[in-house]
Amino acid sequence: MQSILRPALVLFAALTLACGVLYPLLVTGVAQAAFPAQANGSLVEKDGQVVGSRLIGQSFSAPGYFWGRPSATAPMTNNGGGSGGSNQGPLNPALQEAVKGRIAALRALDPGNTAPVPVDLVTSSASGLDPEISVAAARYQAARVARARQLPAERVGALVEQHSERPFLGLFGEARVNVLALNMALDAESGHTR
């Protein structure tokens, strides 16, 4: 029995040290050296204060801000600790009612906007934490934001275009806008603070 137990314990200790201590330290060290901003959460600072992350959606609800995708993590929207989707399929009556309600809310807040509502403004994402919206969703909101901030619509539209990120290598994904970055640019443009 001792001839089996001793090698098993030595192997267990060696693998624990290698896989549980040395490997994580190595990976963390390489990440901190090569990609320090990403390894620390891609945090966004303003005036020395962390205001969010480029990777996690922020909750904006004022009319003068662009809004991100709805979050399935309600009632604590954009809650990284409670990430999760609603698991509702497209034929689920609850999802259909939620989408209708979101469309009605968007129409009520911007009654002059008769453009089709982009799907990402009325459906929650799989994680509930998407930091980006489609360029179409940003353009859809531009007139409302311009009116609320008393800025020329052309200037707000130009900010949307400046903050649009193209698909990776021009092929993968779709054009998108980081909502936090766009709203921070709006604040800088109009002198608001969040």
N, C-alpha and C. Protein backbone atom coordinates (compact mmCIF):
# COMPACT_ATOMS: atom_id res chain seq x y z
N MET A 1 0.82 -1.20 0.00
CA MET A 1 0.00 0.00 0.00
C MET A 1 0.86 1.26 0.00
N GLN A 2 1.92 1.25 0.81
CA GLN A 2 2.79 2.42 0.88
C GLN A 2 3.53 2.63 -0.43
N SER A 3 3.81 1.57 -1.16
CA SER A 3 4.49 1.70 -2.44
C SER A 3 3.61 2.40 -3.49
N ILE A 4 2.32 2.36 -3.30
CA ILE A 4 1.39 3.04 -4.21
C ILE A 4 1.07 4.44 -3.71
N LEU A 5 0.90 4.59 -2.40
CA LEU A 5 0.48 5.86 -1.82
C LEU A 5 1.53 6.96 -1.97
N ARG A 6 2.78 6.62 -1.72
CA ARG A 6 3.83 7.64 -1.78
C ARG A 6 3.99 8.23 -3.19
N PRO A 7 4.11 7.44 -4.26
CA PRO A 7 4.21 8.05 -5.61
C PRO A 7 2.97 8.84 -5.98
N ALA A 8 1.79 8.38 -5.53
CA ALA A 8 0.55 9.10 -5.84
C ALA A 8 0.55 10.48 -5.18
N LEU A 9 0.98 10.55 -3.92
CA LEU A 9 1.02 11.83 -3.22
C LEU A 9 2.08 12.76 -3.81
N VAL A 10 3.22 12.21 -4.19
CA VAL A 10 4.27 13.02 -4.82
C VAL A 10 3.77 13.58 -6.16
N LEU A 11 3.12 12.72 -6.95
CA LEU A 11 2.58 13.18 -8.24
C LEU A 11 1.49 14.23 -8.03
N PHE A 12 0.63 14.01 -7.04
CA PHE A 12 -0.43 14.98 -6.73
C PHE A 12 0.19 16.32 -6.35
N ALA A 13 1.18 16.33 -5.50
CA ALA A 13 1.84 17.58 -5.07
C ALA A 13 2.53 18.25 -6.25
N ALA A 14 3.22 17.47 -7.09
CA ALA A 14 3.93 18.04 -8.23
C ALA A 14 2.95 18.66 -9.24
N LEU A 15 1.86 17.96 -9.52
CA LEU A 15 0.87 18.50 -10.46
C LEU A 15 0.15 19.71 -9.88
N THR A 16 -0.12 19.69 -8.60
CA THR A 16 -0.74 20.85 -7.95
C THR A 16 0.16 22.06 -8.06
N LEU A 17 1.43 21.89 -7.80
CA LEU A 17 2.40 22.98 -7.90
C LEU A 17 2.50 23.48 -9.35
N ALA A 18 2.63 22.56 -10.29
CA ALA A 18 2.81 22.94 -11.69
C ALA A 18 1.56 23.58 -12.27
N CYS A 19 0.41 22.91 -12.08
CA CYS A 19 -0.83 23.37 -12.72
C CYS A 19 -1.59 24.41 -11.90
N GLY A 20 -1.44 24.36 -10.59
CA GLY A 20 -2.21 25.26 -9.75
C GLY A 20 -1.47 26.50 -9.30
N VAL A 21 -0.14 26.51 -9.44
CA VAL A 21 0.64 27.66 -8.98
C VAL A 21 1.53 28.20 -10.10
N LEU A 22 2.44 27.39 -10.61
CA LEU A 22 3.42 27.87 -11.58
C LEU A 22 2.79 28.30 -12.91
N TYR A 23 1.91 27.47 -13.46
CA TYR A 23 1.28 27.82 -14.74
C TYR A 23 0.44 29.09 -14.63
N PRO A 24 -0.45 29.24 -13.61
CA PRO A 24 -1.19 30.50 -13.50
C PRO A 24 -0.28 31.72 -13.32
N LEU A 25 0.80 31.57 -12.55
CA LEU A 25 1.72 32.69 -12.38
C LEU A 25 2.39 33.05 -13.71
N LEU A 26 2.77 32.05 -14.49
CA LEU A 26 3.39 32.29 -15.78
C LEU A 26 2.43 33.00 -16.74
N VAL A 27 1.21 32.49 -16.83
CA VAL A 27 0.22 33.08 -17.74
C VAL A 27 -0.10 34.51 -17.30
N THR A 28 -0.28 34.73 -16.01
CA THR A 28 -0.57 36.07 -15.50
C THR A 28 0.60 37.01 -15.78
N GLY A 29 1.82 36.55 -15.57
CA GLY A 29 3.00 37.38 -15.83
C GLY A 29 3.12 37.76 -17.29
N VAL A 30 2.92 36.80 -18.19
CA VAL A 30 2.99 37.08 -19.62
C VAL A 30 1.89 38.07 -20.02
N ALA A 31 0.68 37.86 -19.53
CA ALA A 31 -0.43 38.76 -19.85
C ALA A 31 -0.16 40.17 -19.35
N GLN A 32 0.34 40.30 -18.13
CA GLN A 32 0.64 41.63 -17.58
C GLN A 32 1.74 42.32 -18.36
N ALA A 33 2.74 41.55 -18.83
CA ALA A 33 3.84 42.14 -19.58
C ALA A 33 3.45 42.49 -21.01
N ALA A 34 2.72 41.61 -21.67
CA ALA A 34 2.40 41.80 -23.08
C ALA A 34 1.14 42.63 -23.31
N PHE A 35 0.12 42.44 -22.49
CA PHE A 35 -1.18 43.11 -22.69
C PHE A 35 -1.72 43.63 -21.36
N PRO A 36 -1.07 44.59 -20.72
CA PRO A 36 -1.48 45.00 -19.38
C PRO A 36 -2.90 45.59 -19.32
N ALA A 37 -3.31 46.37 -20.31
CA ALA A 37 -4.66 46.96 -20.27
C ALA A 37 -5.72 45.88 -20.36
N GLN A 38 -5.55 44.94 -21.29
CA GLN A 38 -6.53 43.87 -21.45
C GLN A 38 -6.53 42.94 -20.25
N ALA A 39 -5.36 42.63 -19.71
CA ALA A 39 -5.28 41.72 -18.57
C ALA A 39 -5.94 42.31 -17.32
N ASN A 40 -6.04 43.62 -17.27
CA ASN A 40 -6.66 44.27 -16.12
C ASN A 40 -8.10 44.69 -16.38
N GLY A 41 -8.71 44.18 -17.44
CA GLY A 41 -10.14 44.41 -17.68
C GLY A 41 -10.47 45.49 -18.67
N SER A 42 -9.52 46.01 -19.41
CA SER A 42 -9.76 47.07 -20.39
C SER A 42 -10.55 48.23 -19.77
N LEU A 43 -10.09 48.67 -18.61
CA LEU A 43 -10.78 49.72 -17.87
C LEU A 43 -10.65 51.07 -18.57
N VAL A 44 -11.71 51.86 -18.48
CA VAL A 44 -11.75 53.19 -19.08
C VAL A 44 -11.74 54.19 -17.93
N GLU A 45 -10.81 55.15 -17.99
CA GLU A 45 -10.70 56.16 -16.94
C GLU A 45 -11.04 57.53 -17.49
N LYS A 46 -11.60 58.35 -16.61
CA LYS A 46 -11.86 59.75 -16.93
C LYS A 46 -11.47 60.56 -15.71
N ASP A 47 -10.57 61.49 -15.87
CA ASP A 47 -10.08 62.31 -14.76
C ASP A 47 -9.56 61.47 -13.61
N GLY A 48 -8.87 60.38 -13.93
CA GLY A 48 -8.27 59.53 -12.92
C GLY A 48 -9.24 58.57 -12.23
N GLN A 49 -10.49 58.57 -12.63
CA GLN A 49 -11.51 57.68 -12.05
C GLN A 49 -11.93 56.65 -13.09
N VAL A 50 -12.06 55.40 -12.65
CA VAL A 50 -12.55 54.36 -13.54
C VAL A 50 -14.05 54.56 -13.73
N VAL A 51 -14.47 54.68 -15.00
CA VAL A 51 -15.89 54.88 -15.30
C VAL A 51 -16.53 53.66 -15.95
N GLY A 52 -15.73 52.66 -16.26
CA GLY A 52 -16.28 51.45 -16.87
C GLY A 52 -15.21 50.64 -17.54
N SER A 53 -15.65 49.70 -18.33
CA SER A 53 -14.76 48.83 -19.09
C SER A 53 -15.22 48.81 -20.54
N ARG A 54 -14.27 48.71 -21.44
CA ARG A 54 -14.62 48.60 -22.86
C ARG A 54 -15.31 47.28 -23.17
N LEU A 55 -15.24 46.33 -22.22
CA LEU A 55 -15.73 44.98 -22.48
C LEU A 55 -17.08 44.67 -21.86
N ILE A 56 -17.58 45.54 -20.98
CA ILE A 56 -18.85 45.28 -20.29
C ILE A 56 -19.77 46.47 -20.50
N GLY A 57 -20.98 46.19 -20.93
CA GLY A 57 -21.95 47.25 -21.18
C GLY A 57 -22.28 48.03 -19.93
N GLN A 58 -22.47 49.33 -20.11
CA GLN A 58 -22.84 50.23 -19.02
C GLN A 58 -24.32 50.58 -19.18
N SER A 59 -24.95 50.90 -18.09
CA SER A 59 -26.36 51.25 -18.13
C SER A 59 -26.53 52.75 -18.34
N PHE A 60 -27.09 53.14 -19.46
CA PHE A 60 -27.42 54.54 -19.75
C PHE A 60 -28.92 54.61 -20.00
N SER A 61 -29.59 55.56 -19.36
CA SER A 61 -31.03 55.66 -19.56
C SER A 61 -31.50 57.08 -19.86
N ALA A 62 -30.65 58.08 -19.67
CA ALA A 62 -31.04 59.46 -19.95
C ALA A 62 -31.18 59.67 -21.46
N PRO A 63 -32.10 60.51 -21.89
CA PRO A 63 -32.31 60.72 -23.33
C PRO A 63 -31.09 61.28 -24.05
N GLY A 64 -30.19 61.95 -23.35
CA GLY A 64 -29.02 62.53 -23.96
C GLY A 64 -27.86 61.57 -24.15
N TYR A 65 -28.10 60.30 -23.89
CA TYR A 65 -27.07 59.28 -24.06
C TYR A 65 -27.54 58.21 -25.03
N PHE A 66 -26.59 57.61 -25.70
CA PHE A 66 -26.91 56.42 -26.51
C PHE A 66 -27.12 55.26 -25.54
N TRP A 67 -28.09 54.43 -25.85
CA TRP A 67 -28.41 53.28 -25.01
C TRP A 67 -27.87 52.02 -25.64
N GLY A 68 -27.40 51.11 -24.80
CA GLY A 68 -26.91 49.83 -25.28
C GLY A 68 -28.04 48.84 -25.41
N ARG A 69 -27.66 47.60 -25.60
CA ARG A 69 -28.66 46.53 -25.70
C ARG A 69 -29.35 46.32 -24.37
N PRO A 70 -30.60 45.91 -24.39
CA PRO A 70 -31.26 45.56 -23.14
C PRO A 70 -30.53 44.40 -22.48
N SER A 71 -30.58 44.35 -21.17
CA SER A 71 -29.87 43.32 -20.43
C SER A 71 -30.85 42.34 -19.82
N ALA A 72 -30.52 41.06 -19.90
CA ALA A 72 -31.34 40.02 -19.29
C ALA A 72 -30.99 39.84 -17.82
N THR A 73 -30.08 40.68 -17.31
CA THR A 73 -29.66 40.56 -15.91
C THR A 73 -30.48 41.45 -15.00
N ALA A 74 -31.61 41.94 -15.48
CA ALA A 74 -32.46 42.82 -14.67
C ALA A 74 -32.89 42.08 -13.39
N PRO A 75 -33.13 42.75 -12.31
CA PRO A 75 -33.27 44.20 -12.18
C PRO A 75 -31.95 44.94 -12.06
N MET A 76 -30.83 44.25 -11.92
CA MET A 76 -29.53 44.93 -11.84
C MET A 76 -28.91 44.84 -13.23
N THR A 77 -29.26 45.78 -14.11
CA THR A 77 -28.80 45.70 -15.49
C THR A 77 -27.29 45.81 -15.58
N ASN A 78 -26.75 45.17 -16.59
CA ASN A 78 -25.32 45.17 -16.86
C ASN A 78 -24.52 44.74 -15.63
N ASN A 79 -24.99 43.68 -15.00
CA ASN A 79 -24.37 43.15 -13.78
C ASN A 79 -23.43 42.01 -14.15
N GLY A 80 -22.12 42.27 -14.14
CA GLY A 80 -21.14 41.27 -14.51
C GLY A 80 -21.18 40.04 -13.63
N GLY A 81 -21.58 40.20 -12.37
CA GLY A 81 -21.67 39.05 -11.46
C GLY A 81 -22.88 38.19 -11.75
N GLY A 82 -23.86 38.73 -12.47
CA GLY A 82 -25.09 37.98 -12.76
C GLY A 82 -25.31 37.80 -14.24
N SER A 83 -24.24 37.67 -14.99
CA SER A 83 -24.35 37.55 -16.43
C SER A 83 -25.18 36.34 -16.81
N GLY A 84 -26.04 36.53 -17.77
CA GLY A 84 -26.83 35.41 -18.26
C GLY A 84 -27.93 35.88 -19.18
N GLY A 85 -28.28 35.05 -20.10
CA GLY A 85 -29.34 35.38 -21.03
C GLY A 85 -30.70 34.99 -20.48
N SER A 86 -31.73 35.32 -21.21
CA SER A 86 -33.09 35.01 -20.77
C SER A 86 -33.49 33.59 -21.16
N ASN A 87 -32.75 32.99 -22.10
CA ASN A 87 -33.04 31.64 -22.61
C ASN A 87 -34.43 31.55 -23.24
N GLN A 88 -34.92 32.65 -23.77
CA GLN A 88 -36.22 32.65 -24.44
C GLN A 88 -35.99 32.56 -25.94
N GLY A 89 -36.65 31.60 -26.56
CA GLY A 89 -36.54 31.43 -28.00
C GLY A 89 -37.41 32.41 -28.75
N PRO A 90 -37.24 32.53 -30.06
CA PRO A 90 -37.98 33.52 -30.84
C PRO A 90 -39.48 33.31 -30.86
N LEU A 91 -39.94 32.11 -30.55
CA LEU A 91 -41.39 31.86 -30.54
C LEU A 91 -41.98 31.96 -29.13
N ASN A 92 -41.17 32.28 -28.16
CA ASN A 92 -41.65 32.39 -26.78
C ASN A 92 -42.51 33.64 -26.66
N PRO A 93 -43.75 33.50 -26.18
CA PRO A 93 -44.63 34.66 -26.05
C PRO A 93 -44.07 35.74 -25.12
N ALA A 94 -43.34 35.35 -24.10
CA ALA A 94 -42.76 36.34 -23.18
C ALA A 94 -41.72 37.21 -23.91
N LEU A 95 -40.91 36.59 -24.77
CA LEU A 95 -39.93 37.36 -25.53
C LEU A 95 -40.64 38.28 -26.52
N GLN A 96 -41.66 37.76 -27.19
CA GLN A 96 -42.39 38.59 -28.15
C GLN A 96 -43.03 39.80 -27.47
N GLU A 97 -43.59 39.60 -26.29
CA GLU A 97 -44.18 40.72 -25.54
C GLU A 97 -43.11 41.71 -25.09
N ALA A 98 -41.96 41.19 -24.65
CA ALA A 98 -40.87 42.08 -24.21
C ALA A 98 -40.39 42.94 -25.38
N VAL A 99 -40.24 42.34 -26.55
CA VAL A 99 -39.79 43.08 -27.73
C VAL A 99 -40.82 44.13 -28.11
N LYS A 100 -42.10 43.77 -28.11
CA LYS A 100 -43.15 44.75 -28.43
C LYS A 100 -43.13 45.92 -27.45
N GLY A 101 -42.94 45.60 -26.18
CA GLY A 101 -42.87 46.66 -25.17
C GLY A 101 -41.67 47.57 -25.36
N ARG A 102 -40.54 47.00 -25.73
CA ARG A 102 -39.33 47.80 -25.96
C ARG A 102 -39.49 48.68 -27.19
N ILE A 103 -40.12 48.15 -28.23
CA ILE A 103 -40.36 48.96 -29.43
C ILE A 103 -41.29 50.11 -29.09
N ALA A 104 -42.35 49.83 -28.34
CA ALA A 104 -43.29 50.88 -27.95
C ALA A 104 -42.60 51.95 -27.11
N ALA A 105 -41.72 51.54 -26.21
CA ALA A 105 -41.00 52.51 -25.37
C ALA A 105 -40.09 53.39 -26.21
N LEU A 106 -39.38 52.79 -27.17
CA LEU A 106 -38.51 53.58 -28.04
C LEU A 106 -39.33 54.56 -28.89
N ARG A 107 -40.46 54.11 -29.41
CA ARG A 107 -41.32 54.99 -30.22
C ARG A 107 -41.89 56.13 -29.37
N ALA A 108 -42.25 55.84 -28.11
CA ALA A 108 -42.82 56.87 -27.24
C ALA A 108 -41.78 57.94 -26.89
N LEU A 109 -40.53 57.53 -26.75
CA LEU A 109 -39.48 58.49 -26.39
C LEU A 109 -38.96 59.28 -27.58
N ASP A 110 -39.24 58.80 -28.77
CA ASP A 110 -38.79 59.48 -29.99
C ASP A 110 -39.88 59.33 -31.05
N PRO A 111 -41.05 60.00 -30.82
CA PRO A 111 -42.21 59.76 -31.71
C PRO A 111 -41.99 60.17 -33.16
N GLY A 112 -41.08 61.08 -33.42
CA GLY A 112 -40.83 61.51 -34.79
C GLY A 112 -39.99 60.54 -35.59
N ASN A 113 -39.40 59.58 -34.93
CA ASN A 113 -38.51 58.62 -35.61
C ASN A 113 -39.36 57.47 -36.14
N THR A 114 -39.50 57.43 -37.46
CA THR A 114 -40.32 56.39 -38.08
C THR A 114 -39.47 55.29 -38.72
N ALA A 115 -38.15 55.36 -38.52
CA ALA A 115 -37.27 54.34 -39.08
C ALA A 115 -37.51 53.00 -38.39
N PRO A 116 -37.22 51.90 -39.06
CA PRO A 116 -37.35 50.59 -38.41
C PRO A 116 -36.41 50.52 -37.20
N VAL A 117 -36.89 49.95 -36.11
CA VAL A 117 -36.08 49.83 -34.91
C VAL A 117 -35.08 48.69 -35.10
N PRO A 118 -33.79 48.96 -34.96
CA PRO A 118 -32.79 47.89 -35.09
C PRO A 118 -33.00 46.81 -34.03
N VAL A 119 -32.80 45.58 -34.42
CA VAL A 119 -33.11 44.44 -33.56
C VAL A 119 -32.29 44.45 -32.27
N ASP A 120 -31.06 44.96 -32.32
CA ASP A 120 -30.24 44.91 -31.11
C ASP A 120 -30.68 45.92 -30.06
N LEU A 121 -31.60 46.83 -30.39
CA LEU A 121 -32.13 47.74 -29.37
C LEU A 121 -33.32 47.15 -28.63
N VAL A 122 -33.85 46.04 -29.12
CA VAL A 122 -35.04 45.48 -28.48
C VAL A 122 -34.88 44.02 -28.03
N THR A 123 -33.73 43.43 -28.31
CA THR A 123 -33.47 42.06 -27.85
C THR A 123 -32.25 42.06 -26.96
N SER A 124 -32.31 41.30 -25.88
CA SER A 124 -31.14 41.23 -24.99
C SER A 124 -30.14 40.24 -25.55
N SER A 125 -28.89 40.44 -25.18
CA SER A 125 -27.83 39.58 -25.68
C SER A 125 -27.75 38.30 -24.87
N ALA A 126 -26.93 37.38 -25.31
CA ALA A 126 -26.77 36.12 -24.60
C ALA A 126 -26.21 36.33 -23.20
N SER A 127 -25.28 37.27 -23.07
CA SER A 127 -24.67 37.52 -21.75
C SER A 127 -25.39 38.62 -20.99
N GLY A 128 -26.05 39.52 -21.70
CA GLY A 128 -26.66 40.67 -21.06
C GLY A 128 -25.67 41.78 -20.79
N LEU A 129 -24.45 41.65 -21.31
CA LEU A 129 -23.39 42.61 -20.99
C LEU A 129 -22.73 43.22 -22.22
N ASP A 130 -23.35 43.16 -23.38
CA ASP A 130 -22.72 43.66 -24.60
C ASP A 130 -22.34 45.13 -24.46
N PRO A 131 -21.08 45.47 -24.72
CA PRO A 131 -20.66 46.87 -24.64
C PRO A 131 -20.92 47.65 -25.93
N GLU A 132 -21.32 46.96 -26.98
CA GLU A 132 -21.44 47.58 -28.28
C GLU A 132 -22.85 47.40 -28.86
N ILE A 133 -23.17 48.31 -29.76
CA ILE A 133 -24.40 48.20 -30.54
C ILE A 133 -24.02 48.31 -32.01
N SER A 134 -24.93 47.95 -32.87
CA SER A 134 -24.67 48.09 -34.30
C SER A 134 -24.64 49.57 -34.68
N VAL A 135 -24.00 49.87 -35.79
CA VAL A 135 -23.97 51.24 -36.28
C VAL A 135 -25.40 51.70 -36.57
N ALA A 136 -26.24 50.80 -37.07
CA ALA A 136 -27.64 51.14 -37.34
C ALA A 136 -28.36 51.54 -36.05
N ALA A 137 -28.08 50.85 -34.95
CA ALA A 137 -28.72 51.20 -33.67
C ALA A 137 -28.25 52.56 -33.18
N ALA A 138 -26.99 52.88 -33.40
CA ALA A 138 -26.48 54.20 -33.01
C ALA A 138 -27.10 55.29 -33.88
N ARG A 139 -27.18 55.03 -35.17
CA ARG A 139 -27.79 56.03 -36.07
C ARG A 139 -29.26 56.24 -35.73
N TYR A 140 -29.95 55.16 -35.36
CA TYR A 140 -31.36 55.27 -35.00
C TYR A 140 -31.56 56.23 -33.82
N GLN A 141 -30.62 56.24 -32.89
CA GLN A 141 -30.74 57.06 -31.68
C GLN A 141 -30.18 58.47 -31.83
N ALA A 142 -29.45 58.72 -32.90
CA ALA A 142 -28.70 59.98 -33.04
C ALA A 142 -29.59 61.22 -32.94
N ALA A 143 -30.74 61.24 -33.58
CA ALA A 143 -31.60 62.43 -33.55
C ALA A 143 -32.10 62.72 -32.14
N ARG A 144 -32.50 61.68 -31.40
CA ARG A 144 -32.96 61.86 -30.02
C ARG A 144 -31.85 62.45 -29.15
N VAL A 145 -30.65 61.89 -29.29
CA VAL A 145 -29.51 62.35 -28.50
C VAL A 145 -29.17 63.80 -28.86
N ALA A 146 -29.19 64.13 -30.14
CA ALA A 146 -28.89 65.50 -30.58
C ALA A 146 -29.89 66.49 -30.00
N ARG A 147 -31.18 66.14 -30.03
CA ARG A 147 -32.20 67.04 -29.46
C ARG A 147 -32.00 67.20 -27.96
N ALA A 148 -31.77 66.11 -27.26
CA ALA A 148 -31.62 66.18 -25.81
C ALA A 148 -30.40 66.99 -25.40
N ARG A 149 -29.35 66.93 -26.19
CA ARG A 149 -28.11 67.66 -25.86
C ARG A 149 -28.03 69.02 -26.55
N GLN A 150 -29.01 69.32 -27.38
CA GLN A 150 -29.04 70.57 -28.13
C GLN A 150 -27.76 70.72 -28.96
N LEU A 151 -27.42 69.64 -29.63
CA LEU A 151 -26.29 69.62 -30.55
C LEU A 151 -26.82 69.44 -31.96
N PRO A 152 -26.08 69.92 -32.96
CA PRO A 152 -26.51 69.66 -34.34
C PRO A 152 -26.52 68.16 -34.64
N ALA A 153 -27.56 67.71 -35.31
CA ALA A 153 -27.68 66.29 -35.64
C ALA A 153 -26.49 65.81 -36.46
N GLU A 154 -25.96 66.68 -37.32
CA GLU A 154 -24.81 66.30 -38.13
C GLU A 154 -23.59 66.02 -37.26
N ARG A 155 -23.43 66.79 -36.18
CA ARG A 155 -22.28 66.59 -35.30
C ARG A 155 -22.40 65.27 -34.56
N VAL A 156 -23.59 64.94 -34.08
CA VAL A 156 -23.80 63.67 -33.39
C VAL A 156 -23.59 62.52 -34.37
N GLY A 157 -24.10 62.66 -35.58
CA GLY A 157 -23.88 61.64 -36.61
C GLY A 157 -22.40 61.45 -36.92
N ALA A 158 -21.65 62.55 -36.94
CA ALA A 158 -20.21 62.46 -37.19
C ALA A 158 -19.51 61.72 -36.05
N LEU A 159 -19.96 61.96 -34.81
CA LEU A 159 -19.37 61.24 -33.67
C LEU A 159 -19.65 59.74 -33.78
N VAL A 160 -20.85 59.39 -34.22
CA VAL A 160 -21.18 57.97 -34.42
C VAL A 160 -20.22 57.36 -35.43
N GLU A 161 -20.00 58.05 -36.54
CA GLU A 161 -19.10 57.53 -37.57
C GLU A 161 -17.66 57.44 -37.07
N GLN A 162 -17.22 58.44 -36.30
CA GLN A 162 -15.85 58.42 -35.77
C GLN A 162 -15.63 57.26 -34.81
N HIS A 163 -16.67 56.85 -34.09
CA HIS A 163 -16.52 55.80 -33.09
C HIS A 163 -16.98 54.43 -33.60
N SER A 164 -17.27 54.35 -34.89
CA SER A 164 -17.64 53.07 -35.48
C SER A 164 -16.39 52.22 -35.69
N GLU A 165 -16.48 50.98 -35.30
CA GLU A 165 -15.38 50.03 -35.50
C GLU A 165 -15.79 49.08 -36.61
N ARG A 166 -14.93 48.91 -37.56
CA ARG A 166 -15.23 48.06 -38.71
C ARG A 166 -15.03 46.59 -38.36
N PRO A 167 -15.57 45.69 -39.17
CA PRO A 167 -15.38 44.26 -38.91
C PRO A 167 -13.90 43.89 -38.90
N PHE A 168 -13.55 42.91 -38.09
CA PHE A 168 -12.16 42.44 -37.99
C PHE A 168 -11.69 41.97 -39.36
N LEU A 169 -10.59 42.52 -39.82
CA LEU A 169 -10.02 42.24 -41.15
C LEU A 169 -10.99 42.54 -42.29
N GLY A 170 -12.01 43.33 -42.00
CA GLY A 170 -13.00 43.67 -43.00
C GLY A 170 -13.96 42.55 -43.33
N LEU A 171 -13.85 41.41 -42.63
CA LEU A 171 -14.66 40.23 -42.95
C LEU A 171 -15.47 39.68 -41.78
N PHE A 172 -14.90 39.71 -40.60
CA PHE A 172 -15.49 38.98 -39.48
C PHE A 172 -16.30 39.90 -38.57
N GLY A 173 -17.55 39.55 -38.36
CA GLY A 173 -18.43 40.36 -37.52
C GLY A 173 -19.08 41.45 -38.33
N GLU A 174 -19.60 42.44 -37.63
CA GLU A 174 -20.22 43.56 -38.31
C GLU A 174 -19.71 44.86 -37.71
N ALA A 175 -19.96 45.96 -38.39
CA ALA A 175 -19.56 47.26 -37.86
C ALA A 175 -20.33 47.51 -36.57
N ARG A 176 -19.65 48.12 -35.60
CA ARG A 176 -20.25 48.31 -34.29
C ARG A 176 -19.73 49.59 -33.65
N VAL A 177 -20.40 49.99 -32.57
CA VAL A 177 -20.04 51.19 -31.83
C VAL A 177 -19.99 50.85 -30.35
N ASN A 178 -18.88 51.20 -29.69
CA ASN A 178 -18.79 51.00 -28.25
C ASN A 178 -19.59 52.13 -27.60
N VAL A 179 -20.63 51.78 -26.86
CA VAL A 179 -21.56 52.76 -26.30
C VAL A 179 -20.86 53.67 -25.28
N LEU A 180 -20.04 53.10 -24.41
CA LEU A 180 -19.36 53.91 -23.41
C LEU A 180 -18.43 54.92 -24.06
N ALA A 181 -17.64 54.50 -25.04
CA ALA A 181 -16.72 55.41 -25.73
C ALA A 181 -17.49 56.53 -26.43
N LEU A 182 -18.59 56.18 -27.08
CA LEU A 182 -19.39 57.19 -27.78
C LEU A 182 -19.99 58.18 -26.80
N ASN A 183 -20.53 57.70 -25.68
CA ASN A 183 -21.13 58.60 -24.70
C ASN A 183 -20.08 59.49 -24.03
N MET A 184 -18.88 58.96 -23.83
CA MET A 184 -17.82 59.79 -23.27
C MET A 184 -17.42 60.89 -24.26
N ALA A 185 -17.41 60.57 -25.55
CA ALA A 185 -17.11 61.58 -26.57
C ALA A 185 -18.21 62.65 -26.59
N LEU A 186 -19.46 62.23 -26.42
CA LEU A 186 -20.57 63.19 -26.34
C LEU A 186 -20.41 64.11 -25.14
N ASP A 187 -20.04 63.53 -24.00
CA ASP A 187 -19.82 64.35 -22.80
C ASP A 187 -18.72 65.37 -23.04
N ALA A 188 -17.65 64.96 -23.67
CA ALA A 188 -16.54 65.87 -23.96
C ALA A 188 -16.99 66.97 -24.93
N GLU A 189 -17.82 66.59 -25.88
CA GLU A 189 -18.30 67.55 -26.89
C GLU A 189 -19.22 68.60 -26.28
N SER A 190 -20.09 68.18 -25.39
CA SER A 190 -21.09 69.12 -24.86
C SER A 190 -20.82 69.57 -23.43
N GLY A 191 -19.70 69.14 -22.85
CA GLY A 191 -19.34 69.61 -21.52
C GLY A 191 -20.09 68.95 -20.39
N HIS A 192 -20.80 67.85 -20.66
CA HIS A 192 -21.50 67.12 -19.60
C HIS A 192 -20.53 66.22 -18.87
N THR A 193 -20.91 65.82 -17.67
CA THR A 193 -20.16 64.80 -16.94
C THR A 193 -21.12 63.73 -16.51
N ARG A 194 -20.61 62.53 -16.47
CA ARG A 194 -21.47 61.40 -16.07
C ARG A 194 -21.29 61.12 -14.62
